[in-house]
Amino acid sequence: MTKLPRGLSGARVKRALIRAGFYIKRQKGSHIVLRRDEPFAQVVVPAHRRIDTGTLDSILDSAGLTVEEFLKLL
């Protein structure tokens, strides 16, 4: 099992999710809501300098991505 990367910014996570088929639905403050229609998934990515590993794990779980798939998208 591959470990989650540390110290990723919200912008990098957002770009990787866009490569995975997500699009920006809306943004309010420092939280960006991304959505994918097929298969349906919606995630909230904080636009912070660094995202904690627990938050990143929750984002990947909601997006239906494994750590390996996410690392390929980076």
N, C-alpha and C. Protein backbone atom coordinates (compact mmCIF):
# COMPACT_ATOMS: atom_id res chain seq x y z
N MET A 1 0.84 -1.18 0.00
CA MET A 1 0.00 0.00 0.00
C MET A 1 0.88 1.24 0.00
N THR A 2 0.58 2.15 -0.88
CA THR A 2 1.34 3.37 -1.02
C THR A 2 0.88 4.41 -0.01
N LYS A 3 1.84 5.15 0.52
CA LYS A 3 1.51 6.19 1.49
C LYS A 3 0.99 7.44 0.79
N LEU A 4 0.17 8.19 1.50
CA LEU A 4 -0.32 9.46 0.98
C LEU A 4 0.81 10.47 0.93
N PRO A 5 0.88 11.28 -0.11
CA PRO A 5 1.90 12.32 -0.15
C PRO A 5 1.61 13.40 0.88
N ARG A 6 2.66 14.02 1.36
CA ARG A 6 2.51 15.07 2.38
C ARG A 6 2.81 16.43 1.75
N GLY A 7 2.18 17.43 2.31
CA GLY A 7 2.50 18.79 1.92
C GLY A 7 1.95 19.24 0.58
N LEU A 8 0.93 18.58 0.07
CA LEU A 8 0.35 19.01 -1.20
C LEU A 8 -0.52 20.23 -0.98
N SER A 9 -0.51 21.12 -1.95
CA SER A 9 -1.37 22.29 -1.86
C SER A 9 -2.75 21.97 -2.42
N GLY A 10 -3.71 22.80 -2.07
CA GLY A 10 -5.06 22.63 -2.59
C GLY A 10 -5.10 22.77 -4.10
N ALA A 11 -4.25 23.63 -4.65
CA ALA A 11 -4.22 23.84 -6.10
C ALA A 11 -3.75 22.57 -6.82
N ARG A 12 -2.76 21.89 -6.26
CA ARG A 12 -2.28 20.64 -6.89
C ARG A 12 -3.32 19.54 -6.84
N VAL A 13 -4.01 19.44 -5.71
CA VAL A 13 -5.06 18.43 -5.56
C VAL A 13 -6.19 18.74 -6.55
N LYS A 14 -6.55 20.01 -6.67
CA LYS A 14 -7.60 20.42 -7.60
C LYS A 14 -7.23 20.06 -9.03
N ARG A 15 -5.99 20.34 -9.45
CA ARG A 15 -5.56 20.02 -10.82
C ARG A 15 -5.61 18.52 -11.08
N ALA A 16 -5.20 17.73 -10.09
CA ALA A 16 -5.23 16.27 -10.25
C ALA A 16 -6.66 15.77 -10.39
N LEU A 17 -7.58 16.32 -9.62
CA LEU A 17 -8.97 15.90 -9.71
C LEU A 17 -9.59 16.32 -11.04
N ILE A 18 -9.20 17.46 -11.56
CA ILE A 18 -9.70 17.89 -12.87
C ILE A 18 -9.23 16.91 -13.94
N ARG A 19 -7.99 16.43 -13.82
CA ARG A 19 -7.49 15.41 -14.76
C ARG A 19 -8.29 14.11 -14.65
N ALA A 20 -8.88 13.87 -13.48
CA ALA A 20 -9.66 12.65 -13.25
C ALA A 20 -11.11 12.80 -13.71
N GLY A 21 -11.44 13.94 -14.32
CA GLY A 21 -12.79 14.12 -14.86
C GLY A 21 -13.69 15.01 -14.03
N PHE A 22 -13.18 15.63 -12.99
CA PHE A 22 -13.97 16.54 -12.17
C PHE A 22 -13.98 17.92 -12.80
N TYR A 23 -14.97 18.71 -12.46
CA TYR A 23 -15.01 20.11 -12.87
C TYR A 23 -15.41 20.96 -11.66
N ILE A 24 -15.07 22.24 -11.72
CA ILE A 24 -15.36 23.14 -10.61
C ILE A 24 -16.83 23.51 -10.66
N LYS A 25 -17.54 23.15 -9.61
CA LYS A 25 -18.96 23.46 -9.50
C LYS A 25 -19.16 24.87 -8.94
N ARG A 26 -18.46 25.15 -7.83
CA ARG A 26 -18.55 26.48 -7.21
C ARG A 26 -17.41 26.63 -6.21
N GLN A 27 -17.23 27.86 -5.76
CA GLN A 27 -16.24 28.14 -4.72
C GLN A 27 -16.82 29.17 -3.78
N LYS A 28 -16.66 28.93 -2.50
CA LYS A 28 -17.07 29.90 -1.49
C LYS A 28 -15.91 30.03 -0.51
N GLY A 29 -15.31 31.20 -0.51
CA GLY A 29 -14.16 31.41 0.35
C GLY A 29 -13.00 30.54 -0.10
N SER A 30 -12.46 29.77 0.82
CA SER A 30 -11.30 28.94 0.48
C SER A 30 -11.69 27.48 0.25
N HIS A 31 -12.95 27.22 -0.03
CA HIS A 31 -13.39 25.84 -0.29
C HIS A 31 -13.94 25.72 -1.71
N ILE A 32 -13.36 24.80 -2.46
CA ILE A 32 -13.74 24.58 -3.86
C ILE A 32 -14.52 23.28 -3.94
N VAL A 33 -15.71 23.33 -4.53
CA VAL A 33 -16.53 22.14 -4.71
C VAL A 33 -16.32 21.65 -6.13
N LEU A 34 -15.84 20.41 -6.25
CA LEU A 34 -15.63 19.79 -7.55
C LEU A 34 -16.61 18.64 -7.71
N ARG A 35 -17.08 18.44 -8.94
CA ARG A 35 -18.09 17.40 -9.19
C ARG A 35 -17.71 16.62 -10.45
N ARG A 36 -18.07 15.34 -10.42
CA ARG A 36 -17.95 14.45 -11.59
C ARG A 36 -19.32 13.83 -11.78
N ASP A 37 -19.79 13.83 -13.03
CA ASP A 37 -21.14 13.32 -13.30
C ASP A 37 -21.19 11.81 -13.46
N GLU A 38 -20.22 11.21 -14.14
CA GLU A 38 -20.23 9.76 -14.38
C GLU A 38 -18.91 9.14 -13.98
N PRO A 39 -18.87 8.28 -13.01
CA PRO A 39 -19.87 8.05 -11.98
C PRO A 39 -19.91 9.25 -11.05
N PHE A 40 -21.08 9.51 -10.49
CA PHE A 40 -21.27 10.73 -9.70
C PHE A 40 -20.37 10.75 -8.47
N ALA A 41 -19.72 11.88 -8.28
CA ALA A 41 -18.93 12.12 -7.07
C ALA A 41 -18.80 13.62 -6.89
N GLN A 42 -18.81 14.05 -5.66
CA GLN A 42 -18.63 15.47 -5.35
C GLN A 42 -17.69 15.57 -4.15
N VAL A 43 -16.69 16.43 -4.27
CA VAL A 43 -15.72 16.61 -3.20
C VAL A 43 -15.49 18.09 -2.93
N VAL A 44 -15.07 18.39 -1.72
CA VAL A 44 -14.72 19.76 -1.33
C VAL A 44 -13.23 19.78 -1.05
N VAL A 45 -12.52 20.66 -1.77
CA VAL A 45 -11.08 20.78 -1.60
C VAL A 45 -10.78 22.15 -1.00
N PRO A 46 -10.11 22.19 0.15
CA PRO A 46 -9.73 23.49 0.71
C PRO A 46 -8.57 24.08 -0.10
N ALA A 47 -8.69 25.34 -0.45
CA ALA A 47 -7.64 26.02 -1.22
C ALA A 47 -6.58 26.56 -0.28
N HIS A 48 -5.91 25.65 0.42
CA HIS A 48 -4.89 26.01 1.39
C HIS A 48 -3.50 25.69 0.84
N ARG A 49 -2.49 26.23 1.49
CA ARG A 49 -1.11 25.94 1.06
C ARG A 49 -0.74 24.49 1.26
N ARG A 50 -1.19 23.91 2.36
CA ARG A 50 -0.90 22.51 2.66
C ARG A 50 -2.18 21.84 3.13
N ILE A 51 -2.44 20.64 2.60
CA ILE A 51 -3.60 19.87 3.01
C ILE A 51 -3.12 18.72 3.88
N ASP A 52 -3.73 18.55 5.04
CA ASP A 52 -3.37 17.46 5.94
C ASP A 52 -3.65 16.12 5.28
N THR A 53 -2.92 15.09 5.71
CA THR A 53 -3.09 13.77 5.12
C THR A 53 -4.48 13.19 5.40
N GLY A 54 -5.04 13.48 6.56
CA GLY A 54 -6.39 13.00 6.86
C GLY A 54 -7.43 13.61 5.94
N THR A 55 -7.27 14.90 5.66
CA THR A 55 -8.19 15.58 4.74
C THR A 55 -8.02 15.02 3.34
N LEU A 56 -6.78 14.81 2.91
CA LEU A 56 -6.53 14.25 1.58
C LEU A 56 -7.10 12.85 1.47
N ASP A 57 -6.98 12.05 2.51
CA ASP A 57 -7.54 10.70 2.51
C ASP A 57 -9.06 10.75 2.34
N SER A 58 -9.70 11.68 3.01
CA SER A 58 -11.15 11.84 2.90
C SER A 58 -11.55 12.30 1.50
N ILE A 59 -10.78 13.20 0.91
CA ILE A 59 -11.06 13.67 -0.45
C ILE A 59 -10.96 12.51 -1.45
N LEU A 60 -9.90 11.71 -1.33
CA LEU A 60 -9.72 10.58 -2.25
C LEU A 60 -10.82 9.54 -2.06
N ASP A 61 -11.23 9.32 -0.83
CA ASP A 61 -12.30 8.37 -0.56
C ASP A 61 -13.61 8.84 -1.20
N SER A 62 -13.92 10.13 -1.05
CA SER A 62 -15.13 10.68 -1.64
C SER A 62 -15.07 10.68 -3.17
N ALA A 63 -13.87 10.85 -3.72
CA ALA A 63 -13.70 10.88 -5.17
C ALA A 63 -13.68 9.48 -5.78
N GLY A 64 -13.53 8.47 -4.94
CA GLY A 64 -13.47 7.11 -5.45
C GLY A 64 -12.14 6.77 -6.09
N LEU A 65 -11.07 7.41 -5.62
CA LEU A 65 -9.74 7.19 -6.17
C LEU A 65 -8.85 6.49 -5.14
N THR A 66 -7.98 5.62 -5.63
CA THR A 66 -6.97 5.03 -4.76
C THR A 66 -5.76 5.97 -4.72
N VAL A 67 -4.87 5.73 -3.78
CA VAL A 67 -3.67 6.55 -3.67
C VAL A 67 -2.82 6.40 -4.93
N GLU A 68 -2.73 5.19 -5.47
CA GLU A 68 -1.93 4.95 -6.67
C GLU A 68 -2.50 5.71 -7.86
N GLU A 69 -3.83 5.69 -8.03
CA GLU A 69 -4.46 6.42 -9.12
C GLU A 69 -4.21 7.93 -8.97
N PHE A 70 -4.33 8.42 -7.73
CA PHE A 70 -4.11 9.84 -7.48
C PHE A 70 -2.67 10.25 -7.79
N LEU A 71 -1.71 9.42 -7.40
CA LEU A 71 -0.31 9.74 -7.66
C LEU A 71 -0.02 9.82 -9.15
N LYS A 72 -0.66 8.98 -9.95
CA LYS A 72 -0.49 9.06 -11.41
C LYS A 72 -1.04 10.35 -11.99
N LEU A 73 -2.09 10.89 -11.35
CA LEU A 73 -2.69 12.13 -11.84
C LEU A 73 -1.88 13.37 -11.47
N LEU A 74 -1.03 13.24 -10.46
CA LEU A 74 -0.20 14.39 -10.06
C LEU A 74 0.81 14.66 -11.15
